[in-house]
Amino acid sequence: MIMIYYEVLCYSCRQLFRVYEGSLNYKLFKENRTKFFCCEDCSHKIRIDAIKNFFRYLN
């Protein structure tokens, strides 16, 4: 079975990562290659930081 993918540059850590066919990022990359994408690790870190900052301002 052949997996089709694109190699995309993460805008946060500047590392190449693969976006596999069938994923949302693959579809978004095919539609608009000028968008910024981030790898799963950076995406998770950004999400956690946003949650922490959200709760910091609630108190």
C-alpha atoms as a PDB file:
ATOM      1  CA  MET A   1       0.000   0.000   0.000  1.00  0.00           C
ATOM      2  CA  ILE A   2       1.441   3.320  -1.074  1.00  0.00           C
ATOM      3  CA  MET A   3       0.873   6.314   1.191  1.00  0.00           C
ATOM      4  CA  ILE A   4       0.701   9.637  -0.610  1.00  0.00           C
ATOM      5  CA  TYR A   5       2.022  12.603   1.326  1.00  0.00           C
ATOM      6  CA  TYR A   6       3.485  16.091   1.069  1.00  0.00           C
ATOM      7  CA  GLU A   7       6.492  17.285   3.015  1.00  0.00           C
ATOM      8  CA  VAL A   8       5.595  20.597   4.651  1.00  0.00           C
ATOM      9  CA  LEU A   9       7.746  23.044   6.611  1.00  0.00           C
ATOM     10  CA  CYS A  10       6.526  23.738  10.153  1.00  0.00           C
ATOM     11  CA  TYR A  11       6.251  27.487  10.717  1.00  0.00           C
ATOM     12  CA  SER A  12       7.076  27.129  14.417  1.00  0.00           C
ATOM     13  CA  CYS A  13      10.090  24.780  14.629  1.00  0.00           C
ATOM     14  CA  ARG A  14      11.158  24.991  10.953  1.00  0.00           C
ATOM     15  CA  GLN A  15      11.313  21.195  10.594  1.00  0.00           C
ATOM     16  CA  LEU A  16       9.924  19.221   7.672  1.00  0.00           C
ATOM     17  CA  PHE A  17       7.006  16.965   8.497  1.00  0.00           C
ATOM     18  CA  ARG A  18       4.751  14.777   6.410  1.00  0.00           C
ATOM     19  CA  VAL A  19       1.092  15.441   5.725  1.00  0.00           C
ATOM     20  CA  TYR A  20      -0.587  12.197   4.652  1.00  0.00           C
ATOM     21  CA  GLU A  21      -3.492  11.773   2.264  1.00  0.00           C
ATOM     22  CA  GLY A  22      -6.832  11.663   4.036  1.00  0.00           C
ATOM     23  CA  SER A  23      -5.911  14.123   6.793  1.00  0.00           C
ATOM     24  CA  LEU A  24      -7.381  17.595   7.152  1.00  0.00           C
ATOM     25  CA  ASN A  25      -3.967  19.243   6.743  1.00  0.00           C
ATOM     26  CA  TYR A  26      -3.432  17.334   3.485  1.00  0.00           C
ATOM     27  CA  LYS A  27      -6.691  18.686   2.101  1.00  0.00           C
ATOM     28  CA  LEU A  28      -5.914  22.227   3.277  1.00  0.00           C
ATOM     29  CA  PHE A  29      -2.403  22.053   1.821  1.00  0.00           C
ATOM     30  CA  LYS A  30      -3.716  20.903  -1.556  1.00  0.00           C
ATOM     31  CA  GLU A  31      -6.252  23.757  -1.636  1.00  0.00           C
ATOM     32  CA  ASN A  32      -3.883  26.519  -0.555  1.00  0.00           C
ATOM     33  CA  ARG A  33      -0.129  25.905  -0.464  1.00  0.00           C
ATOM     34  CA  THR A  34       0.647  29.410   0.761  1.00  0.00           C
ATOM     35  CA  LYS A  35      -0.930  28.816   4.193  1.00  0.00           C
ATOM     36  CA  PHE A  36       1.186  28.220   7.273  1.00  0.00           C
ATOM     37  CA  PHE A  37       1.161  24.754   8.821  1.00  0.00           C
ATOM     38  CA  CYS A  38       2.648  23.366  11.998  1.00  0.00           C
ATOM     39  CA  CYS A  39       3.602  19.838  13.011  1.00  0.00           C
ATOM     40  CA  GLU A  40       1.630  17.879  15.595  1.00  0.00           C
ATOM     41  CA  ASP A  41       4.146  18.575  18.386  1.00  0.00           C
ATOM     42  CA  CYS A  42       4.080  22.340  17.848  1.00  0.00           C
ATOM     43  CA  SER A  43       0.327  22.318  17.394  1.00  0.00           C
ATOM     44  CA  HIS A  44      -0.047  20.588  20.763  1.00  0.00           C
ATOM     45  CA  LYS A  45       2.328  23.052  22.480  1.00  0.00           C
ATOM     46  CA  ILE A  46       0.487  26.047  21.014  1.00  0.00           C
ATOM     47  CA  ARG A  47      -2.858  24.623  22.120  1.00  0.00           C
ATOM     48  CA  ILE A  48      -1.652  23.970  25.690  1.00  0.00           C
ATOM     49  CA  ASP A  49      -0.180  27.498  25.939  1.00  0.00           C
ATOM     50  CA  ALA A  50      -3.467  28.991  24.725  1.00  0.00           C
ATOM     51  CA  ILE A  51      -5.427  27.015  27.335  1.00  0.00           C
ATOM     52  CA  LYS A  52      -3.034  28.092  30.104  1.00  0.00           C
ATOM     53  CA  ASN A  53      -3.302  31.750  29.095  1.00  0.00           C
ATOM     54  CA  PHE A  54      -7.088  31.525  28.899  1.00  0.00           C
ATOM     55  CA  PHE A  55      -7.376  30.280  32.462  1.00  0.00           C
ATOM     56  CA  ARG A  56      -4.792  32.795  33.699  1.00  0.00           C
ATOM     57  CA  TYR A  57      -7.055  35.693  32.681  1.00  0.00           C
ATOM     58  CA  LEU A  58     -10.203  34.144  34.172  1.00  0.00           C
ATOM     59  CA  ASN A  59      -8.893  34.456  37.731  1.00  0.00           C
END
